[in-house]
Amino acid sequence: SWCHSCVQEHPFWVKVRNKYDFPLVGIVYRDNSPKIQNILTQKSDPYAHLLADPSGAIGLDLGIVGVPATFVVDAQ
């Protein structure tokens, strides 16, 4: 809810979800605001799974140094 760039890129992920047949996993990074669910409800939720990372620990493990960050993971 605090990341303006994340909110701006949201329509892109909705388009990706509608065009391609693979699951998107979102990480709620350093936030636990109820505003997140409101944003996803109002603007469409593209995520098959939404993980919580309120402390930023997962982000640190993944090497996130800024948001938004995107990782593409394949079956291998």
PDB file of N, CA and C in Angstrom:
ATOM      1  N   SER A   1       0.819  -1.200   0.000  1.00  0.00           N
ATOM      2  CA  SER A   1       0.000   0.000   0.000  1.00  0.00           C
ATOM      3  C   SER A   1       0.859   1.259   0.000  1.00  0.00           C
ATOM      4  N   TRP A   2       2.124   1.137   0.400  1.00  0.00           N
ATOM      5  CA  TRP A   2       3.008   2.305   0.465  1.00  0.00           C
ATOM      6  C   TRP A   2       3.849   2.475  -0.784  1.00  0.00           C
ATOM      7  N   CYS A   3       3.921   1.454  -1.622  1.00  0.00           N
ATOM      8  CA  CYS A   3       4.804   1.479  -2.802  1.00  0.00           C
ATOM      9  C   CYS A   3       4.042   2.002  -4.019  1.00  0.00           C
ATOM     10  N   HIS A   4       4.272   3.259  -4.346  1.00  0.00           N
ATOM     11  CA  HIS A   4       3.573   3.878  -5.468  1.00  0.00           C
ATOM     12  C   HIS A   4       3.889   3.162  -6.782  1.00  0.00           C
ATOM     13  N   SER A   5       5.132   2.796  -6.987  1.00  0.00           N
ATOM     14  CA  SER A   5       5.520   2.099  -8.224  1.00  0.00           C
ATOM     15  C   SER A   5       4.823   0.743  -8.348  1.00  0.00           C
ATOM     16  N   CYS A   6       4.645   0.066  -7.232  1.00  0.00           N
ATOM     17  CA  CYS A   6       3.961  -1.236  -7.244  1.00  0.00           C
ATOM     18  C   CYS A   6       2.499  -1.064  -7.659  1.00  0.00           C
ATOM     19  N   VAL A   7       1.865  -0.032  -7.142  1.00  0.00           N
ATOM     20  CA  VAL A   7       0.473   0.247  -7.507  1.00  0.00           C
ATOM     21  C   VAL A   7       0.391   0.607  -8.986  1.00  0.00           C
ATOM     22  N   GLN A   8       1.377   1.357  -9.489  1.00  0.00           N
ATOM     23  CA  GLN A   8       1.392   1.742 -10.903  1.00  0.00           C
ATOM     24  C   GLN A   8       1.569   0.539 -11.826  1.00  0.00           C
ATOM     25  N   GLU A   9       2.370  -0.452 -11.428  1.00  0.00           N
ATOM     26  CA  GLU A   9       2.602  -1.598 -12.312  1.00  0.00           C
ATOM     27  C   GLU A   9       1.506  -2.654 -12.195  1.00  0.00           C
ATOM     28  N   HIS A  10       0.604  -2.512 -11.266  1.00  0.00           N
ATOM     29  CA  HIS A  10      -0.458  -3.489 -11.035  1.00  0.00           C
ATOM     30  C   HIS A  10      -1.248  -3.830 -12.302  1.00  0.00           C
ATOM     31  N   PRO A  11      -1.677  -2.851 -13.117  1.00  0.00           N
ATOM     32  CA  PRO A  11      -2.418  -3.207 -14.338  1.00  0.00           C
ATOM     33  C   PRO A  11      -1.624  -4.106 -15.286  1.00  0.00           C
ATOM     34  N   PHE A  12      -0.311  -3.961 -15.310  1.00  0.00           N
ATOM     35  CA  PHE A  12       0.527  -4.833 -16.139  1.00  0.00           C
ATOM     36  C   PHE A  12       0.379  -6.286 -15.706  1.00  0.00           C
ATOM     37  N   TRP A  13       0.420  -6.551 -14.391  1.00  0.00           N
ATOM     38  CA  TRP A  13       0.317  -7.923 -13.898  1.00  0.00           C
ATOM     39  C   TRP A  13      -1.069  -8.499 -14.130  1.00  0.00           C
ATOM     40  N   VAL A  14      -2.089  -7.653 -14.107  1.00  0.00           N
ATOM     41  CA  VAL A  14      -3.436  -8.122 -14.441  1.00  0.00           C
ATOM     42  C   VAL A  14      -3.465  -8.559 -15.904  1.00  0.00           C
ATOM     43  N   LYS A  15      -2.847  -7.787 -16.796  1.00  0.00           N
ATOM     44  CA  LYS A  15      -2.787  -8.166 -18.218  1.00  0.00           C
ATOM     45  C   LYS A  15      -2.004  -9.462 -18.410  1.00  0.00           C
ATOM     46  N   VAL A  16      -0.897  -9.628 -17.712  1.00  0.00           N
ATOM     47  CA  VAL A  16      -0.105 -10.855 -17.803  1.00  0.00           C
ATOM     48  C   VAL A  16      -0.941 -12.049 -17.368  1.00  0.00           C
ATOM     49  N   ARG A  17      -1.630 -11.912 -16.254  1.00  0.00           N
ATOM     50  CA  ARG A  17      -2.468 -13.012 -15.764  1.00  0.00           C
ATOM     51  C   ARG A  17      -3.539 -13.380 -16.776  1.00  0.00           C
ATOM     52  N   ASN A  18      -4.118 -12.392 -17.426  1.00  0.00           N
ATOM     53  CA  ASN A  18      -5.186 -12.659 -18.384  1.00  0.00           C
ATOM     54  C   ASN A  18      -4.679 -13.254 -19.694  1.00  0.00           C
ATOM     55  N   LYS A  19      -3.420 -13.010 -20.033  1.00  0.00           N
ATOM     56  CA  LYS A  19      -2.879 -13.460 -21.319  1.00  0.00           C
ATOM     57  C   LYS A  19      -2.156 -14.803 -21.245  1.00  0.00           C
ATOM     58  N   TYR A  20      -1.502 -15.087 -20.124  1.00  0.00           N
ATOM     59  CA  TYR A  20      -0.658 -16.278 -20.024  1.00  0.00           C
ATOM     60  C   TYR A  20      -1.178 -17.232 -18.956  1.00  0.00           C
ATOM     61  N   ASP A  21      -0.900 -18.500 -19.172  1.00  0.00           N
ATOM     62  CA  ASP A  21      -1.386 -19.537 -18.261  1.00  0.00           C
ATOM     63  C   ASP A  21      -0.265 -19.983 -17.319  1.00  0.00           C
ATOM     64  N   PHE A  22       0.128 -19.106 -16.420  1.00  0.00           N
ATOM     65  CA  PHE A  22       1.049 -19.486 -15.356  1.00  0.00           C
ATOM     66  C   PHE A  22       0.713 -18.654 -14.130  1.00  0.00           C
ATOM     67  N   PRO A  23       0.969 -19.214 -12.970  1.00  0.00           N
ATOM     68  CA  PRO A  23       0.580 -18.517 -11.741  1.00  0.00           C
ATOM     69  C   PRO A  23       1.542 -17.391 -11.392  1.00  0.00           C
ATOM     70  N   LEU A  24       0.990 -16.310 -10.908  1.00  0.00           N
ATOM     71  CA  LEU A  24       1.782 -15.211 -10.366  1.00  0.00           C
ATOM     72  C   LEU A  24       1.749 -15.308  -8.847  1.00  0.00           C
ATOM     73  N   VAL A  25       2.898 -15.148  -8.244  1.00  0.00           N
ATOM     74  CA  VAL A  25       3.002 -15.144  -6.787  1.00  0.00           C
ATOM     75  C   VAL A  25       3.458 -13.757  -6.373  1.00  0.00           C
ATOM     76  N   GLY A  26       2.687 -13.118  -5.523  1.00  0.00           N
ATOM     77  CA  GLY A  26       3.034 -11.789  -5.039  1.00  0.00           C
ATOM     78  C   GLY A  26       3.545 -11.871  -3.614  1.00  0.00           C
ATOM     79  N   ILE A  27       4.436 -10.966  -3.275  1.00  0.00           N
ATOM     80  CA  ILE A  27       4.932 -10.873  -1.903  1.00  0.00           C
ATOM     81  C   ILE A  27       4.588  -9.490  -1.376  1.00  0.00           C
ATOM     82  N   VAL A  28       3.842  -9.467  -0.301  1.00  0.00           N
ATOM     83  CA  VAL A  28       3.510  -8.210   0.356  1.00  0.00           C
ATOM     84  C   VAL A  28       4.719  -7.851   1.217  1.00  0.00           C
ATOM     85  N   TYR A  29       5.548  -6.956   0.685  1.00  0.00           N
ATOM     86  CA  TYR A  29       6.862  -6.657   1.244  1.00  0.00           C
ATOM     87  C   TYR A  29       6.795  -5.481   2.219  1.00  0.00           C
ATOM     88  N   ARG A  30       7.178  -5.750   3.441  1.00  0.00           N
ATOM     89  CA  ARG A  30       7.260  -4.744   4.503  1.00  0.00           C
ATOM     90  C   ARG A  30       5.973  -3.956   4.670  1.00  0.00           C
ATOM     91  N   ASP A  31       4.877  -4.681   4.675  1.00  0.00           N
ATOM     92  CA  ASP A  31       3.567  -4.055   4.814  1.00  0.00           C
ATOM     93  C   ASP A  31       2.610  -5.092   5.383  1.00  0.00           C
ATOM     94  N   ASN A  32       1.687  -4.655   6.147  1.00  0.00           N
ATOM     95  CA  ASN A  32       0.622  -5.542   6.616  1.00  0.00           C
ATOM     96  C   ASN A  32      -0.694  -4.778   6.679  1.00  0.00           C
ATOM     97  N   SER A  33      -0.793  -3.776   5.846  1.00  0.00           N
ATOM     98  CA  SER A  33      -1.946  -2.895   5.833  1.00  0.00           C
ATOM     99  C   SER A  33      -3.169  -3.566   5.223  1.00  0.00           C
ATOM    100  N   PRO A  34      -4.353  -3.319   5.791  1.00  0.00           N
ATOM    101  CA  PRO A  34      -5.583  -3.817   5.157  1.00  0.00           C
ATOM    102  C   PRO A  34      -5.833  -3.150   3.807  1.00  0.00           C
ATOM    103  N   LYS A  35      -5.119  -2.073   3.513  1.00  0.00           N
ATOM    104  CA  LYS A  35      -5.272  -1.396   2.231  1.00  0.00           C
ATOM    105  C   LYS A  35      -4.891  -2.304   1.072  1.00  0.00           C
ATOM    106  N   ILE A  36      -4.001  -3.251   1.318  1.00  0.00           N
ATOM    107  CA  ILE A  36      -3.552  -4.151   0.250  1.00  0.00           C
ATOM    108  C   ILE A  36      -4.725  -4.926  -0.318  1.00  0.00           C
ATOM    109  N   GLN A  37      -5.514  -5.540   0.545  1.00  0.00           N
ATOM    110  CA  GLN A  37      -6.656  -6.312   0.065  1.00  0.00           C
ATOM    111  C   GLN A  37      -7.660  -5.410  -0.629  1.00  0.00           C
ATOM    112  N   ASN A  38      -7.833  -4.189  -0.149  1.00  0.00           N
ATOM    113  CA  ASN A  38      -8.734  -3.251  -0.815  1.00  0.00           C
ATOM    114  C   ASN A  38      -8.264  -2.926  -2.224  1.00  0.00           C
ATOM    115  N   ILE A  39      -6.958  -2.708  -2.376  1.00  0.00           N
ATOM    116  CA  ILE A  39      -6.400  -2.421  -3.702  1.00  0.00           C
ATOM    117  C   ILE A  39      -6.650  -3.593  -4.641  1.00  0.00           C
ATOM    118  N   LEU A  40      -6.390  -4.812  -4.171  1.00  0.00           N
ATOM    119  CA  LEU A  40      -6.565  -5.995  -5.016  1.00  0.00           C
ATOM    120  C   LEU A  40      -8.031  -6.258  -5.321  1.00  0.00           C
ATOM    121  N   THR A  41      -8.898  -5.959  -4.392  1.00  0.00           N
ATOM    122  CA  THR A  41     -10.333  -6.139  -4.626  1.00  0.00           C
ATOM    123  C   THR A  41     -10.846  -5.121  -5.638  1.00  0.00           C
ATOM    124  N   GLN A  42     -10.416  -3.881  -5.499  1.00  0.00           N
ATOM    125  CA  GLN A  42     -10.898  -2.815  -6.388  1.00  0.00           C
ATOM    126  C   GLN A  42     -10.314  -2.917  -7.788  1.00  0.00           C
ATOM    127  N   LYS A  43      -9.032  -3.298  -7.895  1.00  0.00           N
ATOM    128  CA  LYS A  43      -8.338  -3.240  -9.184  1.00  0.00           C
ATOM    129  C   LYS A  43      -8.095  -4.605  -9.804  1.00  0.00           C
ATOM    130  N   SER A  44      -8.603  -5.673  -9.222  1.00  0.00           N
ATOM    131  CA  SER A  44      -8.435  -7.052  -9.675  1.00  0.00           C
ATOM    132  C   SER A  44      -7.162  -7.653  -9.072  1.00  0.00           C
ATOM    133  N   ASP A  45      -7.288  -8.880  -8.646  1.00  0.00           N
ATOM    134  CA  ASP A  45      -6.177  -9.576  -7.997  1.00  0.00           C
ATOM    135  C   ASP A  45      -5.561 -10.559  -8.980  1.00  0.00           C
ATOM    136  N   PRO A  46      -4.360 -10.266  -9.496  1.00  0.00           N
ATOM    137  CA  PRO A  46      -3.756 -11.144 -10.491  1.00  0.00           C
ATOM    138  C   PRO A  46      -3.011 -12.343  -9.896  1.00  0.00           C
ATOM    139  N   TYR A  47      -2.923 -12.416  -8.578  1.00  0.00           N
ATOM    140  CA  TYR A  47      -2.026 -13.380  -7.948  1.00  0.00           C
ATOM    141  C   TYR A  47      -2.715 -14.690  -7.596  1.00  0.00           C
ATOM    142  N   ALA A  48      -2.066 -15.795  -7.935  1.00  0.00           N
ATOM    143  CA  ALA A  48      -2.535 -17.114  -7.519  1.00  0.00           C
ATOM    144  C   ALA A  48      -2.225 -17.317  -6.038  1.00  0.00           C
ATOM    145  N   HIS A  49      -1.132 -16.722  -5.598  1.00  0.00           N
ATOM    146  CA  HIS A  49      -0.715 -16.806  -4.201  1.00  0.00           C
ATOM    147  C   HIS A  49      -0.175 -15.446  -3.785  1.00  0.00           C
ATOM    148  N   LEU A  50      -0.460 -15.062  -2.570  1.00  0.00           N
ATOM    149  CA  LEU A  50       0.043 -13.807  -2.031  1.00  0.00           C
ATOM    150  C   LEU A  50       0.701 -14.118  -0.689  1.00  0.00           C
ATOM    151  N   LEU A  51       2.006 -13.897  -0.622  1.00  0.00           N
ATOM    152  CA  LEU A  51       2.776 -14.200   0.583  1.00  0.00           C
ATOM    153  C   LEU A  51       3.013 -12.924   1.383  1.00  0.00           C
ATOM    154  N   ALA A  52       3.063 -13.048   2.685  1.00  0.00           N
ATOM    155  CA  ALA A  52       3.295 -11.897   3.560  1.00  0.00           C
ATOM    156  C   ALA A  52       4.756 -11.861   4.004  1.00  0.00           C
ATOM    157  N   ASP A  53       5.353 -10.687   3.906  1.00  0.00           N
ATOM    158  CA  ASP A  53       6.725 -10.467   4.363  1.00  0.00           C
ATOM    159  C   ASP A  53       6.783  -9.125   5.113  1.00  0.00           C
ATOM    160  N   PRO A  54       6.091  -9.045   6.258  1.00  0.00           N
ATOM    161  CA  PRO A  54       5.998  -7.764   6.957  1.00  0.00           C
ATOM    162  C   PRO A  54       7.332  -7.233   7.470  1.00  0.00           C
ATOM    163  N   SER A  55       8.270  -8.103   7.774  1.00  0.00           N
ATOM    164  CA  SER A  55       9.560  -7.649   8.302  1.00  0.00           C
ATOM    165  C   SER A  55      10.586  -7.405   7.204  1.00  0.00           C
ATOM    166  N   GLY A  56      10.336  -7.909   6.005  1.00  0.00           N
ATOM    167  CA  GLY A  56      11.285  -7.775   4.912  1.00  0.00           C
ATOM    168  C   GLY A  56      12.317  -8.894   4.871  1.00  0.00           C
ATOM    169  N   ALA A  57      12.169  -9.917   5.716  1.00  0.00           N
ATOM    170  CA  ALA A  57      13.148 -11.005   5.790  1.00  0.00           C
ATOM    171  C   ALA A  57      13.218 -11.814   4.501  1.00  0.00           C
ATOM    172  N   ILE A  58      12.075 -12.130   3.908  1.00  0.00           N
ATOM    173  CA  ILE A  58      12.076 -12.880   2.645  1.00  0.00           C
ATOM    174  C   ILE A  58      12.754 -12.040   1.568  1.00  0.00           C
ATOM    175  N   GLY A  59      12.432 -10.769   1.532  1.00  0.00           N
ATOM    176  CA  GLY A  59      13.048  -9.871   0.572  1.00  0.00           C
ATOM    177  C   GLY A  59      14.559  -9.832   0.705  1.00  0.00           C
ATOM    178  N   LEU A  60      15.049  -9.802   1.928  1.00  0.00           N
ATOM    179  CA  LEU A  60      16.496  -9.826   2.139  1.00  0.00           C
ATOM    180  C   LEU A  60      17.102 -11.127   1.631  1.00  0.00           C
ATOM    181  N   ASP A  61      16.422 -12.247   1.917  1.00  0.00           N
ATOM    182  CA  ASP A  61      16.904 -13.552   1.435  1.00  0.00           C
ATOM    183  C   ASP A  61      16.962 -13.609  -0.092  1.00  0.00           C
ATOM    184  N   LEU A  62      16.027 -12.919  -0.755  1.00  0.00           N
ATOM    185  CA  LEU A  62      15.981 -12.905  -2.215  1.00  0.00           C
ATOM    186  C   LEU A  62      16.895 -11.835  -2.813  1.00  0.00           C
ATOM    187  N   GLY A  63      17.464 -10.994  -1.968  1.00  0.00           N
ATOM    188  CA  GLY A  63      18.359  -9.946  -2.450  1.00  0.00           C
ATOM    189  C   GLY A  63      17.653  -8.694  -2.939  1.00  0.00           C
ATOM    190  N   ILE A  64      16.426  -8.498  -2.499  1.00  0.00           N
ATOM    191  CA  ILE A  64      15.686  -7.308  -2.911  1.00  0.00           C
ATOM    192  C   ILE A  64      16.316  -6.081  -2.266  1.00  0.00           C
ATOM    193  N   VAL A  65      16.671  -5.114  -3.103  1.00  0.00           N
ATOM    194  CA  VAL A  65      17.242  -3.869  -2.592  1.00  0.00           C
ATOM    195  C   VAL A  65      16.329  -2.682  -2.879  1.00  0.00           C
ATOM    196  N   GLY A  66      15.292  -2.917  -3.640  1.00  0.00           N
ATOM    197  CA  GLY A  66      14.309  -1.888  -3.956  1.00  0.00           C
ATOM    198  C   GLY A  66      13.054  -2.533  -4.486  1.00  0.00           C
ATOM    199  N   VAL A  67      11.979  -1.789  -4.456  1.00  0.00           N
ATOM    200  CA  VAL A  67      10.710  -2.319  -4.944  1.00  0.00           C
ATOM    201  C   VAL A  67      10.192  -1.422  -6.055  1.00  0.00           C
ATOM    202  N   PRO A  68       9.448  -1.961  -6.970  1.00  0.00           N
ATOM    203  CA  PRO A  68       9.097  -3.374  -7.098  1.00  0.00           C
ATOM    204  C   PRO A  68      10.266  -4.203  -7.624  1.00  0.00           C
ATOM    205  N   ALA A  69      10.212  -5.477  -7.346  1.00  0.00           N
ATOM    206  CA  ALA A  69      11.203  -6.436  -7.828  1.00  0.00           C
ATOM    207  C   ALA A  69      10.447  -7.613  -8.441  1.00  0.00           C
ATOM    208  N   THR A  70      10.974  -8.133  -9.528  1.00  0.00           N
ATOM    209  CA  THR A  70      10.316  -9.234 -10.228  1.00  0.00           C
ATOM    210  C   THR A  70      11.307 -10.363 -10.447  1.00  0.00           C
ATOM    211  N   PHE A  71      10.867 -11.583 -10.189  1.00  0.00           N
ATOM    212  CA  PHE A  71      11.666 -12.772 -10.419  1.00  0.00           C
ATOM    213  C   PHE A  71      10.872 -13.716 -11.295  1.00  0.00           C
ATOM    214  N   VAL A  72      11.496 -14.275 -12.300  1.00  0.00           N
ATOM    215  CA  VAL A  72      10.871 -15.271 -13.154  1.00  0.00           C
ATOM    216  C   VAL A  72      11.476 -16.612 -12.776  1.00  0.00           C
ATOM    217  N   VAL A  73      10.606 -17.564 -12.421  1.00  0.00           N
ATOM    218  CA  VAL A  73      11.056 -18.872 -11.961  1.00  0.00           C
ATOM    219  C   VAL A  73      10.425 -19.921 -12.870  1.00  0.00           C
ATOM    220  N   ASP A  74      11.256 -20.815 -13.379  1.00  0.00           N
ATOM    221  CA  ASP A  74      10.706 -21.894 -14.202  1.00  0.00           C
ATOM    222  C   ASP A  74      10.757 -23.204 -13.425  1.00  0.00           C
ATOM    223  N   ALA A  75      10.349 -24.272 -14.065  1.00  0.00           N
ATOM    224  CA  ALA A  75      10.250 -25.571 -13.388  1.00  0.00           C
ATOM    225  C   ALA A  75      11.616 -26.120 -12.982  1.00  0.00           C
ATOM    226  N   GLN A  76      12.678 -25.663 -13.595  1.00  0.00           N
ATOM    227  CA  GLN A  76      14.001 -26.177 -13.283  1.00  0.00           C
ATOM    228  C   GLN A  76      14.667 -25.347 -12.224  1.00  0.00           C
TER     229      GLN A  76
END
